[in-house]
Amino acid sequence: MNVNEQDIIQFVIDRVADLTSRPELAEELNGDSPLEDAGVDSVLLVNLMMQIEQQYEIFYEDDELLQENFATARLISQRILAKRAVQTEV
């Protein structure tokens, strides 16, 4: 699967809109919007991480599960792209 940063950002934003039951967020959020301000709490974050792992065939290690790694859709996207790059090297 060939993915780019903007596609991942949109995926994350769409999932946040779904998880928070606030469809308007799909239009209001951008890659740098703090997800916590959008209503993403720890429970929703775990659900979001599971969807990301499934969608992009990655796995988050325990030491990566820090809120700052999931603060914005752009940060999430950058981490996904980095993890996928490492996987293709193996």
PDB file of N, CA and C in Angstrom:
ATOM      1  N   MET A   1       0.846  -1.178   0.000  1.00  0.00           N
ATOM      2  CA  MET A   1       0.000   0.000   0.000  1.00  0.00           C
ATOM      3  C   MET A   1       0.892   1.241   0.000  1.00  0.00           C
ATOM      4  N   ASN A   2       0.738   2.076  -0.992  1.00  0.00           N
ATOM      5  CA  ASN A   2       1.497   3.313  -1.091  1.00  0.00           C
ATOM      6  C   ASN A   2       0.694   4.424  -0.417  1.00  0.00           C
ATOM      7  N   VAL A   3       1.256   5.014   0.620  1.00  0.00           N
ATOM      8  CA  VAL A   3       0.556   6.056   1.358  1.00  0.00           C
ATOM      9  C   VAL A   3       1.434   7.292   1.460  1.00  0.00           C
ATOM     10  N   ASN A   4       0.786   8.440   1.579  1.00  0.00           N
ATOM     11  CA  ASN A   4       1.540   9.670   1.794  1.00  0.00           C
ATOM     12  C   ASN A   4       1.004  10.368   3.040  1.00  0.00           C
ATOM     13  N   GLU A   5       1.717  11.387   3.449  1.00  0.00           N
ATOM     14  CA  GLU A   5       1.383  12.060   4.704  1.00  0.00           C
ATOM     15  C   GLU A   5      -0.040  12.612   4.697  1.00  0.00           C
ATOM     16  N   GLN A   6      -0.449  13.236   3.605  1.00  0.00           N
ATOM     17  CA  GLN A   6      -1.779  13.860   3.573  1.00  0.00           C
ATOM     18  C   GLN A   6      -2.890  12.811   3.673  1.00  0.00           C
ATOM     19  N   ASP A   7      -2.699  11.657   3.024  1.00  0.00           N
ATOM     20  CA  ASP A   7      -3.695  10.578   3.121  1.00  0.00           C
ATOM     21  C   ASP A   7      -3.830  10.087   4.561  1.00  0.00           C
ATOM     22  N   ILE A   8      -2.712   9.951   5.243  1.00  0.00           N
ATOM     23  CA  ILE A   8      -2.748   9.483   6.633  1.00  0.00           C
ATOM     24  C   ILE A   8      -3.404  10.530   7.522  1.00  0.00           C
ATOM     25  N   ILE A   9      -3.043  11.787   7.323  1.00  0.00           N
ATOM     26  CA  ILE A   9      -3.651  12.857   8.114  1.00  0.00           C
ATOM     27  C   ILE A   9      -5.166  12.830   7.945  1.00  0.00           C
ATOM     28  N   GLN A  10      -5.639  12.678   6.723  1.00  0.00           N
ATOM     29  CA  GLN A  10      -7.077  12.652   6.487  1.00  0.00           C
ATOM     30  C   GLN A  10      -7.716  11.430   7.143  1.00  0.00           C
ATOM     31  N   PHE A  11      -7.046  10.278   7.076  1.00  0.00           N
ATOM     32  CA  PHE A  11      -7.548   9.071   7.731  1.00  0.00           C
ATOM     33  C   PHE A  11      -7.704   9.322   9.230  1.00  0.00           C
ATOM     34  N   VAL A  12      -6.675   9.890   9.857  1.00  0.00           N
ATOM     35  CA  VAL A  12      -6.709  10.156  11.300  1.00  0.00           C
ATOM     36  C   VAL A  12      -7.838  11.131  11.630  1.00  0.00           C
ATOM     37  N   ILE A  13      -7.956  12.196  10.869  1.00  0.00           N
ATOM     38  CA  ILE A  13      -9.015  13.188  11.117  1.00  0.00           C
ATOM     39  C   ILE A  13     -10.392  12.549  10.967  1.00  0.00           C
ATOM     40  N   ASP A  14     -10.571  11.747   9.932  1.00  0.00           N
ATOM     41  CA  ASP A  14     -11.865  11.075   9.732  1.00  0.00           C
ATOM     42  C   ASP A  14     -12.180  10.131  10.884  1.00  0.00           C
ATOM     43  N   ARG A  15     -11.172   9.400  11.370  1.00  0.00           N
ATOM     44  CA  ARG A  15     -11.394   8.487  12.496  1.00  0.00           C
ATOM     45  C   ARG A  15     -11.736   9.265  13.750  1.00  0.00           C
ATOM     46  N   VAL A  16     -11.063  10.389  13.981  1.00  0.00           N
ATOM     47  CA  VAL A  16     -11.363  11.217  15.160  1.00  0.00           C
ATOM     48  C   VAL A  16     -12.801  11.710  15.086  1.00  0.00           C
ATOM     49  N   ALA A  17     -13.232  12.157  13.911  1.00  0.00           N
ATOM     50  CA  ALA A  17     -14.615  12.622  13.748  1.00  0.00           C
ATOM     51  C   ALA A  17     -15.588  11.490  14.062  1.00  0.00           C
ATOM     52  N   ASP A  18     -15.284  10.278  13.611  1.00  0.00           N
ATOM     53  CA  ASP A  18     -16.143   9.120  13.888  1.00  0.00           C
ATOM     54  C   ASP A  18     -16.134   8.766  15.373  1.00  0.00           C
ATOM     55  N   LEU A  19     -14.958   8.675  15.955  1.00  0.00           N
ATOM     56  CA  LEU A  19     -14.835   8.236  17.347  1.00  0.00           C
ATOM     57  C   LEU A  19     -15.475   9.216  18.333  1.00  0.00           C
ATOM     58  N   THR A  20     -15.435  10.486  17.999  1.00  0.00           N
ATOM     59  CA  THR A  20     -16.016  11.490  18.894  1.00  0.00           C
ATOM     60  C   THR A  20     -17.484  11.760  18.571  1.00  0.00           C
ATOM     61  N   SER A  21     -17.996  11.098  17.538  1.00  0.00           N
ATOM     62  CA  SER A  21     -19.378  11.316  17.066  1.00  0.00           C
ATOM     63  C   SER A  21     -19.611  12.786  16.733  1.00  0.00           C
ATOM     64  N   ARG A  22     -18.585  13.408  16.164  1.00  0.00           N
ATOM     65  CA  ARG A  22     -18.660  14.814  15.754  1.00  0.00           C
ATOM     66  C   ARG A  22     -18.218  14.923  14.296  1.00  0.00           C
ATOM     67  N   PRO A  23     -19.105  14.600  13.353  1.00  0.00           N
ATOM     68  CA  PRO A  23     -18.726  14.596  11.936  1.00  0.00           C
ATOM     69  C   PRO A  23     -18.187  15.928  11.430  1.00  0.00           C
ATOM     70  N   GLU A  24     -18.561  17.009  12.074  1.00  0.00           N
ATOM     71  CA  GLU A  24     -18.077  18.323  11.631  1.00  0.00           C
ATOM     72  C   GLU A  24     -16.565  18.456  11.777  1.00  0.00           C
ATOM     73  N   LEU A  25     -15.970  17.646  12.650  1.00  0.00           N
ATOM     74  CA  LEU A  25     -14.521  17.704  12.840  1.00  0.00           C
ATOM     75  C   LEU A  25     -13.761  17.326  11.575  1.00  0.00           C
ATOM     76  N   ALA A  26     -14.362  16.513  10.722  1.00  0.00           N
ATOM     77  CA  ALA A  26     -13.702  16.111   9.481  1.00  0.00           C
ATOM     78  C   ALA A  26     -13.360  17.338   8.634  1.00  0.00           C
ATOM     79  N   GLU A  27     -14.149  18.388   8.765  1.00  0.00           N
ATOM     80  CA  GLU A  27     -13.892  19.626   8.020  1.00  0.00           C
ATOM     81  C   GLU A  27     -13.118  20.649   8.847  1.00  0.00           C
ATOM     82  N   GLU A  28     -13.269  20.595  10.160  1.00  0.00           N
ATOM     83  CA  GLU A  28     -12.683  21.622  11.023  1.00  0.00           C
ATOM     84  C   GLU A  28     -11.219  21.365  11.377  1.00  0.00           C
ATOM     85  N   LEU A  29     -10.844  20.105  11.508  1.00  0.00           N
ATOM     86  CA  LEU A  29      -9.478  19.781  11.931  1.00  0.00           C
ATOM     87  C   LEU A  29      -8.514  19.845  10.759  1.00  0.00           C
ATOM     88  N   ASN A  30      -7.260  20.128  11.091  1.00  0.00           N
ATOM     89  CA  ASN A  30      -6.192  20.003  10.108  1.00  0.00           C
ATOM     90  C   ASN A  30      -5.070  19.191  10.746  1.00  0.00           C
ATOM     91  N   GLY A  31      -4.005  18.977  10.031  1.00  0.00           N
ATOM     92  CA  GLY A  31      -2.928  18.118  10.520  1.00  0.00           C
ATOM     93  C   GLY A  31      -2.281  18.585  11.802  1.00  0.00           C
ATOM     94  N   ASP A  32      -2.382  19.877  12.089  1.00  0.00           N
ATOM     95  CA  ASP A  32      -1.727  20.424  13.276  1.00  0.00           C
ATOM     96  C   ASP A  32      -2.681  20.739  14.425  1.00  0.00           C
ATOM     97  N   SER A  33      -3.955  20.390  14.269  1.00  0.00           N
ATOM     98  CA  SER A  33      -4.932  20.611  15.334  1.00  0.00           C
ATOM     99  C   SER A  33      -4.670  19.635  16.487  1.00  0.00           C
ATOM    100  N   PRO A  34      -4.606  20.137  17.721  1.00  0.00           N
ATOM    101  CA  PRO A  34      -4.431  19.237  18.861  1.00  0.00           C
ATOM    102  C   PRO A  34      -5.635  18.298  18.992  1.00  0.00           C
ATOM    103  N   LEU A  35      -5.380  17.006  18.969  1.00  0.00           N
ATOM    104  CA  LEU A  35      -6.475  16.036  19.038  1.00  0.00           C
ATOM    105  C   LEU A  35      -7.153  16.054  20.398  1.00  0.00           C
ATOM    106  N   GLU A  36      -6.413  16.392  21.429  1.00  0.00           N
ATOM    107  CA  GLU A  36      -7.008  16.491  22.767  1.00  0.00           C
ATOM    108  C   GLU A  36      -8.098  17.568  22.786  1.00  0.00           C
ATOM    109  N   ASP A  37      -7.859  18.666  22.085  1.00  0.00           N
ATOM    110  CA  ASP A  37      -8.860  19.747  22.017  1.00  0.00           C
ATOM    111  C   ASP A  37     -10.113  19.302  21.268  1.00  0.00           C
ATOM    112  N   ALA A  38      -9.974  18.286  20.418  1.00  0.00           N
ATOM    113  CA  ALA A  38     -11.112  17.770  19.652  1.00  0.00           C
ATOM    114  C   ALA A  38     -11.916  16.747  20.453  1.00  0.00           C
ATOM    115  N   GLY A  39     -11.460  16.441  21.667  1.00  0.00           N
ATOM    116  CA  GLY A  39     -12.193  15.520  22.516  1.00  0.00           C
ATOM    117  C   GLY A  39     -11.617  14.118  22.558  1.00  0.00           C
ATOM    118  N   VAL A  40     -10.391  13.950  22.060  1.00  0.00           N
ATOM    119  CA  VAL A  40      -9.770  12.625  22.088  1.00  0.00           C
ATOM    120  C   VAL A  40      -9.148  12.413  23.467  1.00  0.00           C
ATOM    121  N   ASP A  41      -9.769  11.518  24.232  1.00  0.00           N
ATOM    122  CA  ASP A  41      -9.239  11.167  25.550  1.00  0.00           C
ATOM    123  C   ASP A  41      -8.461   9.854  25.428  1.00  0.00           C
ATOM    124  N   SER A  42      -8.010   9.313  26.545  1.00  0.00           N
ATOM    125  CA  SER A  42      -7.174   8.110  26.507  1.00  0.00           C
ATOM    126  C   SER A  42      -7.918   6.905  25.931  1.00  0.00           C
ATOM    127  N   VAL A  43      -9.199   6.779  26.206  1.00  0.00           N
ATOM    128  CA  VAL A  43      -9.978   5.654  25.682  1.00  0.00           C
ATOM    129  C   VAL A  43     -10.111   5.761  24.165  1.00  0.00           C
ATOM    130  N   LEU A  44     -10.450   6.943  23.679  1.00  0.00           N
ATOM    131  CA  LEU A  44     -10.558   7.137  22.236  1.00  0.00           C
ATOM    132  C   LEU A  44      -9.202   6.978  21.557  1.00  0.00           C
ATOM    133  N   LEU A  45      -8.148   7.390  22.240  1.00  0.00           N
ATOM    134  CA  LEU A  45      -6.812   7.269  21.671  1.00  0.00           C
ATOM    135  C   LEU A  45      -6.432   5.809  21.460  1.00  0.00           C
ATOM    136  N   VAL A  46      -6.762   4.955  22.403  1.00  0.00           N
ATOM    137  CA  VAL A  46      -6.484   3.520  22.252  1.00  0.00           C
ATOM    138  C   VAL A  46      -7.253   2.969  21.056  1.00  0.00           C
ATOM    139  N   ASN A  47      -8.503   3.348  20.920  1.00  0.00           N
ATOM    140  CA  ASN A  47      -9.306   2.904  19.784  1.00  0.00           C
ATOM    141  C   ASN A  47      -8.697   3.409  18.475  1.00  0.00           C
ATOM    142  N   LEU A  48      -8.286   4.658  18.449  1.00  0.00           N
ATOM    143  CA  LEU A  48      -7.657   5.237  17.264  1.00  0.00           C
ATOM    144  C   LEU A  48      -6.379   4.483  16.914  1.00  0.00           C
ATOM    145  N   MET A  49      -5.561   4.187  17.908  1.00  0.00           N
ATOM    146  CA  MET A  49      -4.308   3.456  17.661  1.00  0.00           C
ATOM    147  C   MET A  49      -4.582   2.086  17.062  1.00  0.00           C
ATOM    148  N   MET A  50      -5.599   1.402  17.546  1.00  0.00           N
ATOM    149  CA  MET A  50      -5.931   0.078  17.003  1.00  0.00           C
ATOM    150  C   MET A  50      -6.354   0.185  15.544  1.00  0.00           C
ATOM    151  N   GLN A  51      -7.139   1.204  15.217  1.00  0.00           N
ATOM    152  CA  GLN A  51      -7.552   1.396  13.830  1.00  0.00           C
ATOM    153  C   GLN A  51      -6.357   1.725  12.933  1.00  0.00           C
ATOM    154  N   ILE A  52      -5.436   2.523  13.440  1.00  0.00           N
ATOM    155  CA  ILE A  52      -4.230   2.877  12.678  1.00  0.00           C
ATOM    156  C   ILE A  52      -3.376   1.635  12.441  1.00  0.00           C
ATOM    157  N   GLU A  53      -3.180   0.843  13.494  1.00  0.00           N
ATOM    158  CA  GLU A  53      -2.379  -0.378  13.351  1.00  0.00           C
ATOM    159  C   GLU A  53      -2.968  -1.296  12.287  1.00  0.00           C
ATOM    160  N   GLN A  54      -4.271  -1.434  12.302  1.00  0.00           N
ATOM    161  CA  GLN A  54      -4.930  -2.305  11.333  1.00  0.00           C
ATOM    162  C   GLN A  54      -4.848  -1.726   9.920  1.00  0.00           C
ATOM    163  N   GLN A  55      -5.135  -0.451   9.778  1.00  0.00           N
ATOM    164  CA  GLN A  55      -5.156   0.189   8.461  1.00  0.00           C
ATOM    165  C   GLN A  55      -3.776   0.190   7.798  1.00  0.00           C
ATOM    166  N   TYR A  56      -2.737   0.481   8.580  1.00  0.00           N
ATOM    167  CA  TYR A  56      -1.401   0.675   8.015  1.00  0.00           C
ATOM    168  C   TYR A  56      -0.436  -0.475   8.309  1.00  0.00           C
ATOM    169  N   GLU A  57      -0.956  -1.544   8.896  1.00  0.00           N
ATOM    170  CA  GLU A  57      -0.179  -2.760   9.153  1.00  0.00           C
ATOM    171  C   GLU A  57       1.116  -2.454   9.906  1.00  0.00           C
ATOM    172  N   ILE A  58       0.950  -1.720  10.996  1.00  0.00           N
ATOM    173  CA  ILE A  58       2.070  -1.399  11.869  1.00  0.00           C
ATOM    174  C   ILE A  58       1.717  -1.850  13.272  1.00  0.00           C
ATOM    175  N   PHE A  59       2.692  -1.788  14.175  1.00  0.00           N
ATOM    176  CA  PHE A  59       2.456  -2.129  15.573  1.00  0.00           C
ATOM    177  C   PHE A  59       3.174  -1.107  16.434  1.00  0.00           C
ATOM    178  N   TYR A  60       2.454  -0.539  17.385  1.00  0.00           N
ATOM    179  CA  TYR A  60       3.060   0.399  18.327  1.00  0.00           C
ATOM    180  C   TYR A  60       3.653  -0.372  19.495  1.00  0.00           C
ATOM    181  N   GLU A  61       4.920  -0.116  19.782  1.00  0.00           N
ATOM    182  CA  GLU A  61       5.572  -0.688  20.958  1.00  0.00           C
ATOM    183  C   GLU A  61       5.113   0.080  22.194  1.00  0.00           C
ATOM    184  N   ASP A  62       5.205  -0.576  23.349  1.00  0.00           N
ATOM    185  CA  ASP A  62       4.749   0.061  24.591  1.00  0.00           C
ATOM    186  C   ASP A  62       5.425   1.412  24.839  1.00  0.00           C
ATOM    187  N   ASP A  63       6.712   1.526  24.521  1.00  0.00           N
ATOM    188  CA  ASP A  63       7.426   2.778  24.796  1.00  0.00           C
ATOM    189  C   ASP A  63       7.035   3.902  23.835  1.00  0.00           C
ATOM    190  N   GLU A  64       6.254   3.592  22.811  1.00  0.00           N
ATOM    191  CA  GLU A  64       5.776   4.613  21.885  1.00  0.00           C
ATOM    192  C   GLU A  64       4.420   5.181  22.293  1.00  0.00           C
ATOM    193  N   LEU A  65       3.783   4.548  23.254  1.00  0.00           N
ATOM    194  CA  LEU A  65       2.417   4.910  23.623  1.00  0.00           C
ATOM    195  C   LEU A  65       2.395   6.101  24.566  1.00  0.00           C
ATOM    196  N   LEU A  66       2.931   7.196  24.079  1.00  0.00           N
ATOM    197  CA  LEU A  66       2.984   8.440  24.833  1.00  0.00           C
ATOM    198  C   LEU A  66       2.062   9.446  24.168  1.00  0.00           C
ATOM    199  N   GLN A  67       1.353  10.206  24.975  1.00  0.00           N
ATOM    200  CA  GLN A  67       0.383  11.145  24.428  1.00  0.00           C
ATOM    201  C   GLN A  67       1.020  12.111  23.433  1.00  0.00           C
ATOM    202  N   GLU A  68       2.264  12.529  23.690  1.00  0.00           N
ATOM    203  CA  GLU A  68       2.892  13.484  22.766  1.00  0.00           C
ATOM    204  C   GLU A  68       3.110  12.892  21.371  1.00  0.00           C
ATOM    205  N   ASN A  69       3.181  11.560  21.266  1.00  0.00           N
ATOM    206  CA  ASN A  69       3.317  10.926  19.956  1.00  0.00           C
ATOM    207  C   ASN A  69       2.012  10.936  19.169  1.00  0.00           C
ATOM    208  N   PHE A  70       0.922  11.264  19.835  1.00  0.00           N
ATOM    209  CA  PHE A  70      -0.404  11.253  19.221  1.00  0.00           C
ATOM    210  C   PHE A  70      -1.108  12.594  19.398  1.00  0.00           C
ATOM    211  N   ALA A  71      -0.328  13.652  19.530  1.00  0.00           N
ATOM    212  CA  ALA A  71      -0.899  14.965  19.814  1.00  0.00           C
ATOM    213  C   ALA A  71      -1.646  15.554  18.621  1.00  0.00           C
ATOM    214  N   THR A  72      -1.143  15.322  17.410  1.00  0.00           N
ATOM    215  CA  THR A  72      -1.776  15.854  16.203  1.00  0.00           C
ATOM    216  C   THR A  72      -1.781  14.778  15.121  1.00  0.00           C
ATOM    217  N   ALA A  73      -2.619  14.972  14.130  1.00  0.00           N
ATOM    218  CA  ALA A  73      -2.664  14.022  13.011  1.00  0.00           C
ATOM    219  C   ALA A  73      -1.334  14.019  12.261  1.00  0.00           C
ATOM    220  N   ARG A  74      -0.668  15.156  12.168  1.00  0.00           N
ATOM    221  CA  ARG A  74       0.620  15.217  11.474  1.00  0.00           C
ATOM    222  C   ARG A  74       1.691  14.401  12.208  1.00  0.00           C
ATOM    223  N   LEU A  75       1.735  14.517  13.529  1.00  0.00           N
ATOM    224  CA  LEU A  75       2.697  13.724  14.299  1.00  0.00           C
ATOM    225  C   LEU A  75       2.425  12.228  14.127  1.00  0.00           C
ATOM    226  N   ILE A  76       1.172  11.855  14.149  1.00  0.00           N
ATOM    227  CA  ILE A  76       0.805  10.453  13.945  1.00  0.00           C
ATOM    228  C   ILE A  76       1.238  10.010  12.561  1.00  0.00           C
ATOM    229  N   SER A  77       0.990  10.832  11.559  1.00  0.00           N
ATOM    230  CA  SER A  77       1.351  10.509  10.184  1.00  0.00           C
ATOM    231  C   SER A  77       2.861  10.312  10.044  1.00  0.00           C
ATOM    232  N   GLN A  78       3.626  11.202  10.619  1.00  0.00           N
ATOM    233  CA  GLN A  78       5.084  11.098  10.526  1.00  0.00           C
ATOM    234  C   GLN A  78       5.587   9.814  11.171  1.00  0.00           C
ATOM    235  N   ARG A  79       5.010   9.440  12.292  1.00  0.00           N
ATOM    236  CA  ARG A  79       5.420   8.204  12.960  1.00  0.00           C
ATOM    237  C   ARG A  79       5.041   6.976  12.128  1.00  0.00           C
ATOM    238  N   ILE A  80       3.853   6.998  11.536  1.00  0.00           N
ATOM    239  CA  ILE A  80       3.421   5.879  10.685  1.00  0.00           C
ATOM    240  C   ILE A  80       4.374   5.726   9.508  1.00  0.00           C
ATOM    241  N   LEU A  81       4.688   6.829   8.844  1.00  0.00           N
ATOM    242  CA  LEU A  81       5.585   6.765   7.690  1.00  0.00           C
ATOM    243  C   LEU A  81       6.966   6.254   8.092  1.00  0.00           C
ATOM    244  N   ALA A  82       7.452   6.678   9.253  1.00  0.00           N
ATOM    245  CA  ALA A  82       8.753   6.203   9.731  1.00  0.00           C
ATOM    246  C   ALA A  82       8.713   4.705  10.031  1.00  0.00           C
ATOM    247  N   LYS A  83       7.642   4.242  10.666  1.00  0.00           N
ATOM    248  CA  LYS A  83       7.516   2.823  10.988  1.00  0.00           C
ATOM    249  C   LYS A  83       7.411   1.990   9.712  1.00  0.00           C
ATOM    250  N   ARG A  84       6.669   2.475   8.731  1.00  0.00           N
ATOM    251  CA  ARG A  84       6.525   1.742   7.468  1.00  0.00           C
ATOM    252  C   ARG A  84       7.849   1.708   6.710  1.00  0.00           C
ATOM    253  N   ALA A  85       8.636   2.758   6.787  1.00  0.00           N
ATOM    254  CA  ALA A  85       9.944   2.796   6.121  1.00  0.00           C
ATOM    255  C   ALA A  85      10.870   1.744   6.731  1.00  0.00           C
ATOM    256  N   VAL A  86      10.841   1.620   8.044  1.00  0.00           N
ATOM    257  CA  VAL A  86      11.662   0.616   8.719  1.00  0.00           C
ATOM    258  C   VAL A  86      11.216  -0.788   8.326  1.00  0.00           C
ATOM    259  N   GLN A  87       9.908  -0.995   8.229  1.00  0.00           N
ATOM    260  CA  GLN A  87       9.384  -2.318   7.855  1.00  0.00           C
ATOM    261  C   GLN A  87       9.834  -2.711   6.456  1.00  0.00           C
ATOM    262  N   THR A  88       9.886  -1.775   5.532  1.00  0.00           N
ATOM    263  CA  THR A  88      10.279  -2.108   4.161  1.00  0.00           C
ATOM    264  C   THR A  88      11.762  -2.382   4.050  1.00  0.00           C
ATOM    265  N   GLU A  89      12.547  -1.916   5.023  1.00  0.00           N
ATOM    266  CA  GLU A  89      13.986  -2.180   5.030  1.00  0.00           C
ATOM    267  C   GLU A  89      14.286  -3.601   5.478  1.00  0.00           C
ATOM    268  N   VAL A  90      13.379  -4.189   6.235  1.00  0.00           N
ATOM    269  CA  VAL A  90      13.615  -5.528   6.803  1.00  0.00           C
ATOM    270  C   VAL A  90      13.394  -6.597   5.761  1.00  0.00           C
TER     271      VAL A  90
END
